[in-house]
Amino acid sequence: MTYSGAVTVGGPQDVRRLDEIEVRKLAVGPLANDVYLVTSRASGRQVLVDAADQPDDVLALVRGASPAGRLDLVVTTHRHADHSRALAAVVGATGATVAAGTDDADAIEDLTGVRVERRLRHGDVLTVADVTLEVVALRGHTPGSVALAYREPDVVQEPGAVAGRLHLFTGDSLFPGGVGSTERDPERFARLLTDVTERVFERFDDATWVYPGHGADTILGAERPHLHDWRERGW
């Protein structure tokens, strides 16, 4: 089945098979949070983006994706509780390292009781075996919100694949149709839209695939024409 990026709570996961990794998407919890599991096709080592809710389902996702069921790293994209309700249970079961933006890390520790061992800043690089993820700080939804960028290798091995396509896990900072909530605070909105413009749209091409923290996926090319409209409306 072709990856669609459309998942519903209680429904099946969606799986995207790339050249070096597989991306699994699962919706969990009352706010239909998107959980993403990145699995190396060579080593089976794994990174989880947001242990949001329903820990049994998240752990089943981890164990079903790799023969070893090994989870090396959990990245929490930001401090809001709906993105970390399963964090303690998942880390307790797997021993995975936890990473989060440095300006949200203390709040996540207070909320979950889990130590954030890696405090992330813009431009940091996370490496798990052969999986490399660049940290893109997108401030505004929360002070320490982070996105993760993964670039496919430039060798195309599957028909219709885009060489070197970039994949961006954006948490609640970028969605189809706009940036994340800044609670109508003009300073926070300006900061987030500036970061999204300069650190995402000005760096990455239209084929970049966006995996948000809730709802359906998008690509930058679908959103780029609307940047001016977002700025004008103020949210």
Protein backbone atom coordinates (compact mmCIF):
# COMPACT_ATOMS: atom_id res chain seq x y z
CA MET A 1 0.00 0.00 0.00
CA THR A 2 1.26 3.48 -0.85
CA TYR A 3 2.08 5.69 2.13
CA SER A 4 -0.60 8.34 2.60
CA GLY A 5 0.31 9.92 5.94
CA ALA A 6 -3.35 9.80 6.94
CA VAL A 7 -3.88 7.86 10.17
CA THR A 8 -6.66 7.79 12.75
CA VAL A 9 -6.66 6.87 16.42
CA GLY A 10 -7.40 3.17 16.74
CA GLY A 11 -6.57 2.64 13.10
CA PRO A 12 -3.54 0.93 11.57
CA GLN A 13 -0.09 2.45 11.34
CA ASP A 14 1.10 3.80 8.01
CA VAL A 15 4.56 2.76 6.81
CA ARG A 16 6.85 4.58 4.40
CA ARG A 17 9.83 2.61 3.07
CA LEU A 18 12.74 4.77 1.94
CA ASP A 19 16.17 3.71 0.72
CA GLU A 20 17.87 3.56 4.14
CA ILE A 21 15.04 3.93 6.65
CA GLU A 22 11.41 3.13 7.26
CA VAL A 23 9.03 5.69 8.77
CA ARG A 24 6.05 4.43 10.70
CA LYS A 25 3.23 6.77 11.69
CA LEU A 26 0.66 6.06 14.40
CA ALA A 27 -2.09 8.29 15.81
CA VAL A 28 -2.69 8.05 19.57
CA GLY A 29 -4.62 9.70 22.37
CA PRO A 30 -7.64 12.03 22.59
CA LEU A 31 -5.90 14.73 20.53
CA ALA A 32 -4.89 12.31 17.76
CA ASN A 33 -1.18 12.91 18.23
CA ASP A 34 1.10 11.58 15.53
CA VAL A 35 3.91 9.31 16.71
CA TYR A 36 6.75 8.57 14.26
CA LEU A 37 9.19 5.68 14.42
CA VAL A 38 12.30 5.88 12.23
CA THR A 39 13.95 2.48 11.72
CA SER A 40 17.27 1.82 9.98
CA ARG A 41 16.77 -0.82 7.31
CA ALA A 42 20.38 -1.97 7.72
CA SER A 43 20.80 -2.15 11.49
CA GLY A 44 17.25 -2.16 12.85
CA ARG A 45 18.13 0.66 15.26
CA GLN A 46 15.37 3.13 15.94
CA VAL A 47 14.42 6.70 16.82
CA LEU A 48 10.97 7.62 18.12
CA VAL A 49 9.59 11.11 17.62
CA ASP A 50 7.14 11.96 20.46
CA ALA A 51 6.05 9.20 22.85
CA ALA A 52 2.70 10.94 22.96
CA ASP A 53 0.17 8.55 24.51
CA GLN A 54 -1.03 4.93 24.63
CA PRO A 55 2.32 3.43 25.71
CA ASP A 56 1.29 -0.16 24.95
CA ASP A 57 0.55 0.77 21.35
CA VAL A 58 3.79 2.77 21.03
CA LEU A 59 5.81 -0.14 22.42
CA ALA A 60 4.05 -2.53 20.04
CA LEU A 61 5.05 -0.22 17.20
CA VAL A 62 8.69 -0.30 18.34
CA ARG A 63 8.82 -4.06 18.80
CA GLY A 64 7.03 -4.82 15.56
CA ALA A 65 9.29 -2.67 13.38
CA SER A 66 12.63 -4.31 14.14
CA PRO A 67 13.51 -7.93 14.92
CA ALA A 68 15.55 -6.73 17.89
CA GLY A 69 12.82 -4.31 19.01
CA ARG A 70 15.57 -1.91 20.02
CA LEU A 71 14.77 1.75 20.63
CA ASP A 72 17.86 3.94 20.95
CA LEU A 73 16.45 7.45 21.19
CA VAL A 74 13.19 9.27 21.90
CA VAL A 75 12.99 12.88 20.76
CA THR A 76 10.25 14.97 22.37
CA THR A 77 9.53 17.84 20.01
CA HIS A 78 8.25 20.20 22.72
CA ARG A 79 7.05 20.53 26.29
CA HIS A 80 3.27 20.11 25.91
CA ALA A 81 1.84 17.16 27.82
CA ASP A 82 0.03 15.56 24.89
CA HIS A 83 3.43 14.85 23.28
CA SER A 84 4.96 13.03 26.26
CA ARG A 85 2.26 11.11 28.15
CA ALA A 86 3.82 7.76 27.20
CA LEU A 87 7.42 8.88 27.66
CA ALA A 88 8.05 7.41 31.12
CA ALA A 89 6.56 4.03 30.22
CA VAL A 90 8.38 3.80 26.89
CA VAL A 91 11.75 4.76 28.37
CA GLY A 92 11.21 2.44 31.31
CA ALA A 93 10.56 -0.48 28.98
CA THR A 94 13.31 0.23 26.46
CA GLY A 95 16.05 2.19 28.23
CA ALA A 96 16.10 4.66 25.35
CA THR A 97 17.91 7.98 25.67
CA VAL A 98 15.67 11.06 25.74
CA ALA A 99 16.37 14.25 23.78
CA ALA A 100 14.51 17.58 23.65
CA GLY A 101 15.11 21.23 22.95
CA THR A 102 17.23 22.82 25.66
CA ASP A 103 14.62 25.48 26.50
CA ASP A 104 11.87 22.87 26.98
CA ALA A 105 13.95 20.17 28.67
CA ASP A 106 13.36 21.21 32.29
CA ALA A 107 9.61 21.43 31.75
CA ILE A 108 9.56 17.96 30.18
CA GLU A 109 11.52 16.53 33.10
CA ASP A 110 9.13 18.14 35.60
CA LEU A 111 6.11 16.86 33.69
CA THR A 112 7.24 13.28 33.09
CA GLY A 113 9.85 12.53 35.73
CA VAL A 114 12.17 11.39 32.93
CA ARG A 115 15.68 12.79 32.56
CA VAL A 116 16.39 14.58 29.29
CA GLU A 117 19.91 13.40 28.60
CA ARG A 118 20.41 15.29 25.35
CA ARG A 119 19.51 18.98 25.31
CA LEU A 120 19.23 20.08 21.73
CA ARG A 121 20.13 23.35 20.04
CA HIS A 122 19.61 24.55 16.50
CA GLY A 123 22.04 22.84 14.14
CA ASP A 124 22.83 19.88 16.40
CA VAL A 125 23.13 16.50 14.69
CA LEU A 126 21.72 13.28 16.13
CA THR A 127 23.27 10.04 14.89
CA VAL A 128 21.90 6.58 15.64
CA ALA A 129 23.90 3.98 13.71
CA ASP A 130 23.42 5.00 10.05
CA VAL A 131 20.51 7.39 10.72
CA THR A 132 21.45 11.07 10.87
CA LEU A 133 18.94 13.74 11.92
CA GLU A 134 19.59 17.47 11.96
CA VAL A 135 17.95 19.55 14.70
CA VAL A 136 16.02 22.58 13.47
CA ALA A 137 14.88 24.83 16.32
CA LEU A 138 11.50 26.46 15.60
CA ARG A 139 10.75 28.79 18.49
CA GLY A 140 7.30 30.17 19.23
CA HIS A 141 4.83 27.36 19.82
CA THR A 142 7.06 26.75 22.83
CA PRO A 143 10.50 28.23 23.50
CA GLY A 144 12.30 24.94 22.92
CA SER A 145 10.34 23.38 20.07
CA VAL A 146 12.49 21.40 17.65
CA ALA A 147 12.02 19.77 14.27
CA LEU A 148 14.17 16.96 12.86
CA ALA A 149 15.44 16.81 9.29
CA TYR A 150 16.46 13.60 7.53
CA ARG A 151 17.87 13.63 4.00
CA GLU A 152 17.69 10.61 1.76
CA PRO A 153 20.86 9.58 -0.07
CA ASP A 154 21.27 10.90 -3.59
CA VAL A 155 21.14 7.44 -5.15
CA VAL A 156 17.67 6.56 -6.46
CA GLN A 157 16.93 2.85 -6.25
CA GLU A 158 13.14 2.77 -6.51
CA PRO A 159 11.03 3.92 -9.49
CA GLY A 160 9.51 7.34 -8.93
CA ALA A 161 11.72 8.19 -5.95
CA VAL A 162 13.09 11.70 -5.59
CA ALA A 163 16.88 11.78 -5.20
CA GLY A 164 17.97 13.34 -1.94
CA ARG A 165 14.47 14.23 -0.78
CA LEU A 166 14.37 15.75 2.67
CA HIS A 167 11.96 14.60 5.40
CA LEU A 168 11.04 16.99 8.20
CA PHE A 169 9.37 16.01 11.48
CA THR A 170 7.90 19.31 12.70
CA GLY A 171 6.01 18.60 15.93
CA ASP A 172 3.46 21.36 16.44
CA SER A 173 5.49 24.06 14.66
CA LEU A 174 4.32 23.51 11.07
CA PHE A 175 1.14 21.94 9.69
CA PRO A 176 -0.73 21.88 6.42
CA GLY A 177 -2.23 25.37 6.32
CA GLY A 178 -0.04 27.20 8.79
CA VAL A 179 2.32 27.30 11.73
CA GLY A 180 1.47 25.99 15.18
CA SER A 181 -0.55 27.86 17.78
CA THR A 182 1.09 30.82 19.46
CA GLU A 183 -2.09 31.70 21.37
CA ARG A 184 -2.55 34.94 19.41
CA ASP A 185 0.63 36.35 20.91
CA PRO A 186 2.09 38.56 18.15
CA GLU A 187 5.68 38.25 19.37
CA ARG A 188 5.54 34.46 19.55
CA PHE A 189 3.85 34.28 16.17
CA ALA A 190 6.45 36.53 14.56
CA ARG A 191 9.26 34.45 16.06
CA LEU A 192 7.78 31.16 14.87
CA LEU A 193 6.95 32.38 11.37
CA THR A 194 10.43 33.87 11.04
CA ASP A 195 12.08 30.62 12.12
CA VAL A 196 9.87 28.56 9.82
CA THR A 197 10.59 30.92 6.92
CA GLU A 198 14.34 31.21 7.41
CA ARG A 199 15.17 27.76 8.76
CA VAL A 200 12.76 25.69 6.69
CA PHE A 201 11.35 27.37 3.57
CA GLU A 202 14.54 29.26 2.67
CA ARG A 203 16.72 26.16 3.14
CA PHE A 204 14.70 23.24 1.85
CA ASP A 205 13.08 22.61 -1.51
CA ASP A 206 9.44 22.09 -2.44
CA ALA A 207 9.75 18.28 -2.42
CA THR A 208 10.50 18.29 1.31
CA TRP A 209 8.01 16.03 3.07
CA VAL A 210 6.52 17.38 6.31
CA TYR A 211 5.40 15.05 9.11
CA PRO A 212 3.45 17.17 11.65
CA GLY A 213 2.51 16.45 15.24
CA HIS A 214 -1.18 16.02 14.43
CA GLY A 215 -3.10 15.26 11.27
CA ALA A 216 -2.08 14.65 7.69
CA ASP A 217 1.32 15.17 6.10
CA THR A 218 2.16 17.83 3.54
CA ILE A 219 5.07 19.01 1.38
CA LEU A 220 6.74 22.42 1.46
CA GLY A 221 5.69 23.13 -2.10
CA ALA A 222 2.03 23.01 -1.09
CA GLU A 223 2.57 25.48 1.76
CA ARG A 224 5.14 27.92 0.35
CA PRO A 225 2.63 30.03 -1.68
CA HIS A 226 0.71 30.81 1.52
CA LEU A 227 3.50 32.24 3.70
CA HIS A 228 2.41 35.83 3.01
CA ASP A 229 -1.20 34.96 3.84
CA TRP A 230 -0.15 33.42 7.15
CA ARG A 231 1.78 36.54 8.06
CA GLU A 232 -1.17 38.76 7.14
CA ARG A 233 -3.71 36.82 9.19
CA GLY A 234 -1.38 36.67 12.22
CA TRP A 235 -1.75 32.99 13.08
